[in-house]
Protein backbone atom coordinates (compact mmCIF):
# COMPACT_ATOMS: atom_id res chain seq x y z
CA UNK A 1 -17.70 -13.95 16.19
CA UNK A 2 -18.24 -13.68 12.41
CA UNK A 3 -19.83 -16.50 10.48
CA UNK A 4 -17.20 -18.52 8.63
CA UNK A 5 -18.29 -18.84 5.02
CA UNK A 6 -15.44 -21.08 3.99
CA UNK A 7 -11.83 -21.62 5.03
CA UNK A 8 -9.54 -18.97 3.64
CA UNK A 9 -7.01 -21.55 2.49
CA UNK A 10 -9.48 -22.94 -0.04
CA UNK A 11 -9.24 -19.76 -2.14
CA UNK A 12 -6.31 -20.03 -4.51
CA UNK A 13 -4.42 -16.87 -5.42
CA UNK A 14 -1.95 -16.54 -8.29
CA UNK A 15 1.64 -17.17 -7.28
CA UNK A 16 3.92 -14.17 -6.91
CA UNK A 17 7.47 -13.53 -5.88
CA UNK A 18 8.88 -11.14 -3.32
CA UNK A 19 6.59 -10.57 -0.35
CA UNK A 20 6.93 -6.95 0.69
CA UNK A 21 4.48 -7.29 3.61
CA UNK A 22 4.14 -10.30 5.89
CA UNK A 23 1.67 -10.48 8.78
CA UNK A 24 1.61 -13.58 10.95
CA UNK A 25 -0.90 -14.36 13.72
CA UNK A 26 -1.54 -10.73 14.71
CA UNK A 27 -3.72 -10.16 17.78
CA UNK A 28 -4.68 -6.82 19.31
CA UNK A 29 -7.01 -5.61 22.06
CA UNK A 30 -7.66 -2.00 23.05
CA UNK A 31 -7.14 -0.89 26.68
CA UNK A 32 -10.91 -1.15 27.32
CA UNK A 33 -10.71 -4.87 26.54
CA UNK A 34 -12.26 -4.72 23.06
CA UNK A 35 -10.57 -7.36 20.91
CA UNK A 36 -9.99 -5.83 17.46
CA UNK A 37 -7.73 -8.38 15.75
CA UNK A 38 -7.88 -12.16 16.16
CA UNK A 39 -4.97 -13.99 14.53
CA UNK A 40 -4.60 -12.02 11.29
CA UNK A 41 -2.19 -13.60 8.77
CA UNK A 42 -1.55 -12.68 5.14
CA UNK A 43 1.21 -11.59 2.78
CA UNK A 44 1.30 -8.93 0.08
CA UNK A 45 3.64 -9.29 -2.88
CA UNK A 46 5.66 -6.46 -4.33
CA UNK A 47 3.54 -4.55 -6.84
CA UNK A 48 0.24 -6.05 -5.63
CA UNK A 49 -2.84 -3.90 -5.12
CA UNK A 50 -4.95 -5.35 -2.29
CA UNK A 51 -8.21 -4.08 -0.76
CA UNK A 52 -9.31 -4.70 2.83
CA UNK A 53 -13.10 -4.66 3.04
CA UNK A 54 -15.67 -5.43 5.68
CA UNK A 55 -18.29 -3.83 7.93
CA UNK A 56 -17.58 -1.08 10.44
CA UNK A 57 -15.73 -2.52 13.41
CA UNK A 58 -14.18 -5.34 11.38
CA UNK A 59 -10.66 -4.29 12.40
CA UNK A 60 -9.51 -2.83 9.09
CA UNK A 61 -8.29 0.53 10.39
CA UNK A 62 -6.74 -1.13 13.45
CA UNK A 63 -4.78 -3.41 11.16
CA UNK A 64 -3.60 -0.49 9.01
CA UNK A 65 -2.28 1.32 12.10
CA UNK A 66 -0.05 -1.67 12.85
CA UNK A 67 1.81 -1.40 9.56
CA UNK A 68 4.06 1.42 10.72
CA UNK A 69 3.91 0.90 14.46
CA UNK A 70 1.24 3.40 15.52
CA UNK A 71 -0.38 0.41 17.23
CA UNK A 72 1.48 -2.68 18.36
CA UNK A 73 -0.16 -6.03 19.04
CA UNK A 74 0.96 -9.63 19.55
CA UNK A 75 2.25 -11.32 16.40
CA UNK A 76 4.80 -10.70 13.68
CA UNK A 77 4.79 -8.04 10.98
CA UNK A 78 7.65 -7.44 8.57
CA UNK A 79 8.11 -4.96 5.74
CA UNK A 80 10.57 -6.10 3.03
CA UNK A 81 12.04 -8.54 5.54
CA UNK A 82 12.41 -5.94 8.32
CA UNK A 83 10.47 -6.52 11.54
CA UNK A 84 8.09 -3.79 12.63
CA UNK A 85 9.46 -3.07 16.09
CA UNK A 86 10.51 -0.04 18.13
CA UNK A 87 14.12 -0.20 16.96
CA UNK A 88 13.19 -0.22 13.27
CA UNK A 89 10.32 2.31 13.38
CA UNK A 90 12.17 5.26 11.78
CA UNK A 91 13.03 3.14 8.74
CA UNK A 92 9.65 1.35 8.67
CA UNK A 93 7.74 4.65 8.67
CA UNK A 94 9.65 5.74 5.59
CA UNK A 95 8.87 2.41 3.90
CA UNK A 96 5.13 2.42 4.65
CA UNK A 97 3.26 5.49 3.43
CA UNK A 98 0.15 5.54 5.61
CA UNK A 99 -2.58 7.95 4.49
CA UNK A 100 -5.36 8.55 7.03
CA UNK A 101 -9.05 8.72 6.16
CA UNK A 102 -9.26 12.38 7.20
CA UNK A 103 -6.53 14.38 5.45
CA UNK A 104 -6.76 17.08 8.15
CA UNK A 105 -5.13 14.54 10.48
CA UNK A 106 -2.10 14.55 8.18
CA UNK A 107 -1.82 18.18 7.05
CA UNK A 108 -0.68 20.49 9.82
CA UNK A 109 1.98 22.80 8.33
CA UNK A 110 1.42 26.39 7.12
CA UNK A 111 1.74 25.55 3.41
CA UNK A 112 1.44 22.58 1.08
CA UNK A 113 5.21 22.68 0.49
CA UNK A 114 5.89 22.47 4.23
CA UNK A 115 3.53 19.51 4.62
CA UNK A 116 5.13 17.54 1.80
CA UNK A 117 8.66 18.47 2.90
CA UNK A 118 8.10 17.42 6.51
CA UNK A 119 8.99 13.74 6.08
CA UNK A 120 12.10 14.19 3.91
CA UNK A 121 13.38 16.92 6.26
CA UNK A 122 13.10 14.57 9.21
CA UNK A 123 15.00 11.94 7.23
CA UNK A 124 17.93 14.36 7.38
CA UNK A 125 18.09 14.88 3.61
CA UNK A 126 19.85 17.94 2.18
CA UNK A 127 17.67 20.89 1.19
CA UNK A 128 18.18 20.34 -2.53
CA UNK A 129 16.93 16.76 -2.35
CA UNK A 130 14.00 17.76 -0.14
CA UNK A 131 12.91 20.33 -2.73
CA UNK A 132 13.29 17.79 -5.52
CA UNK A 133 11.19 15.22 -3.65
CA UNK A 134 8.48 17.78 -2.96
CA UNK A 135 8.31 18.74 -6.64
CA UNK A 136 8.21 15.10 -7.73
CA UNK A 137 5.52 14.16 -5.18
CA UNK A 138 3.29 17.11 -6.09
CA UNK A 139 3.71 16.32 -9.79
CA UNK A 140 2.79 12.66 -9.11
CA UNK A 141 -0.54 13.70 -7.57
CA UNK A 142 -1.12 16.35 -10.25
CA UNK A 143 -0.78 19.21 -7.77
CA UNK A 144 2.26 21.00 -9.18
CA UNK A 145 2.13 24.71 -8.45
CA UNK A 146 0.26 24.26 -5.16
CA UNK A 147 3.37 24.48 -2.95
CA UNK A 148 2.63 27.94 -1.57
CA UNK A 149 -1.09 27.31 -1.08
CA UNK A 150 -2.55 26.96 2.41
CA UNK A 151 -3.54 23.33 2.98
CA UNK A 152 -6.68 24.18 4.96
CA UNK A 153 -8.02 26.24 2.03
CA UNK A 154 -8.06 23.27 -0.35
CA UNK A 155 -11.02 21.04 -1.23
CA UNK A 156 -11.33 17.59 0.36
CA UNK A 157 -10.19 15.94 -2.87
CA UNK A 158 -7.17 18.24 -3.13
CA UNK A 159 -6.31 17.64 0.52
CA UNK A 160 -6.38 13.88 -0.06
CA UNK A 161 -3.96 14.28 -2.97
CA UNK A 162 -1.63 16.39 -0.83
CA UNK A 163 -1.83 13.82 1.98
CA UNK A 164 -0.75 11.16 -0.52
CA UNK A 165 2.05 13.45 -1.71
CA UNK A 166 3.35 13.73 1.88
CA UNK A 167 4.02 9.99 1.90
CA UNK A 168 5.18 9.73 -1.73
CA UNK A 169 7.93 12.21 -0.85
CA UNK A 170 9.30 9.55 1.50
CA UNK A 171 9.52 7.13 -1.47
CA UNK A 172 7.72 4.30 0.35
CA UNK A 173 7.64 0.67 -0.69
CA UNK A 174 3.98 0.32 0.34
CA UNK A 175 1.18 2.86 0.07
CA UNK A 176 -1.48 2.18 2.71
CA UNK A 177 -4.70 4.19 2.46
CA UNK A 178 -7.60 4.22 4.91
CA UNK A 179 -10.93 4.95 3.15
CA UNK A 180 -9.36 7.06 0.37
CA UNK A 181 -12.65 7.78 -1.44
CA UNK A 182 -14.67 8.71 1.67
CA UNK A 183 -16.16 12.20 1.53
CA UNK A 184 -15.36 12.83 -2.13
CA UNK A 185 -17.86 14.07 -4.68
CA UNK A 186 -18.20 11.96 -7.87
CA UNK A 187 -15.71 14.03 -9.88
CA UNK A 188 -13.05 13.96 -7.15
CA UNK A 189 -13.65 10.24 -6.58
CA UNK A 190 -13.16 9.50 -10.30
CA UNK A 191 -9.97 11.58 -10.34
CA UNK A 192 -8.67 9.65 -7.32
CA UNK A 193 -9.48 6.28 -8.92
CA UNK A 194 -7.66 7.27 -12.11
CA UNK A 195 -4.68 8.46 -10.09
CA UNK A 196 -4.43 5.32 -7.96
CA UNK A 197 -4.77 3.13 -11.04
CA UNK A 198 -1.75 4.78 -12.62
CA UNK A 199 0.41 4.71 -9.47
CA UNK A 200 3.12 2.01 -9.77
CA UNK A 201 3.33 1.09 -6.08
CA UNK A 202 2.41 -1.82 -3.86
CA UNK A 203 -0.90 -0.72 -2.40
CA UNK A 204 -3.11 -1.79 0.51
CA UNK A 205 -6.35 0.09 1.10
CA UNK A 206 -9.15 -0.16 3.63
CA UNK A 207 -12.45 0.79 2.04
CA UNK A 208 -16.23 0.39 1.82
CA UNK A 209 -16.15 1.45 -1.85
CA UNK A 210 -16.57 -1.94 -3.54
CA UNK A 211 -17.08 -0.32 -6.95
CA UNK A 212 -13.59 1.16 -6.68
CA UNK A 213 -12.26 -2.20 -5.47
CA UNK A 214 -13.78 -3.96 -8.48
CA UNK A 215 -12.13 -1.48 -10.82
CA UNK A 216 -8.66 -1.20 -9.29
CA UNK A 217 -7.82 -4.03 -6.89
CA UNK A 218 -7.40 -7.58 -8.26
CA UNK A 219 -7.24 -9.05 -4.73
CA UNK A 220 -9.70 -8.54 -1.90
CA UNK A 221 -9.39 -9.50 1.76
CA UNK A 222 -12.68 -9.56 3.68
CA UNK A 223 -12.49 -8.92 7.42
CA UNK A 224 -15.23 -9.30 10.01
CA UNK A 225 -15.04 -9.40 13.80
CA UNK A 226 -11.27 -8.97 13.75
CA UNK A 227 -10.69 -11.99 11.51
CA UNK A 228 -10.02 -12.63 7.84
CA UNK A 229 -13.04 -14.53 6.52
CA UNK A 230 -12.04 -14.58 2.85
CA UNK A 231 -8.96 -13.72 0.80
CA UNK A 232 -8.99 -14.11 -2.94
CA UNK A 233 -9.57 -12.70 -6.37
CA UNK A 234 -11.88 -9.71 -6.26
CA UNK A 235 -13.85 -10.81 -9.32
CA UNK A 236 -14.56 -14.20 -7.71
CA UNK A 237 -15.49 -12.91 -4.27
CA UNK A 238 -17.80 -10.22 -5.61
CA UNK A 239 -19.84 -12.92 -7.36
CA UNK A 240 -20.39 -14.72 -4.05
CA UNK A 241 -23.46 -12.82 -2.85
CA UNK A 242 -24.01 -15.11 0.13
CA UNK A 243 -20.49 -14.37 1.36
CA UNK A 244 -20.95 -10.63 0.88
CA UNK A 245 -24.31 -10.57 2.64
CA UNK A 246 -22.99 -12.60 5.58
CA UNK A 247 -20.40 -9.90 6.22
CA UNK A 248 -22.39 -6.74 5.64
CA UNK A 249 -21.29 -6.13 2.06
CA UNK A 250 -23.15 -5.65 -1.18
CA UNK A 251 -22.08 -6.37 -4.73
CA UNK A 252 -21.59 -3.04 -6.56
CA UNK A 253 -23.96 -2.23 -9.38
CA UNK A 254 -22.41 -2.18 -12.83
């Protein structure tokens, strides 16, 4: 069990209106008995950018996979007031744009166009709207003109942008990214940070990149041992070196 640095409720966050994500008392154990989530509860407001941080095995990726029903534990999750359950999954998966850490897990079609068009096509949209959404999504990630390229021939940074485009084409309410900066060289990482900073979407990311968190994400949720051990303003939590050290984190160098 992780060391409790201080009760989460003692950290005061600014008030906001319109929770787009609500998670209440979420528990999850894998079939081998490993308990990955222990009573996770927090809300994300519309337009908020929130980072999930913590050591390996903290439960961050497991939590992300609950947002659109890939995993299902005990507890309540709702997206814009809609419960994440089997009946609502088709709608929920359009509302939550989940981008995996490895873009090769998300890109499987012959061309970039086919990858980005996959979601809108399965929403039953007419061909003209599908094409429009593909163009808009590629433009949003600064990859216009790449539609006919082969996804597996792209660089890691380009693949990550295309993976993001595949979910933007669904016009989600929440963009959820698992380790978006992992594996990127410094130039590609900087390009990704600039892109995410300009993207006007509610965003939840799981990451070890605390320098990126400090730059882009006003709110930080620290997880350890399947629990939330702190939830508050990034600037405040990053100054608490005892808290960071207790949970395997290190304040980024300026």
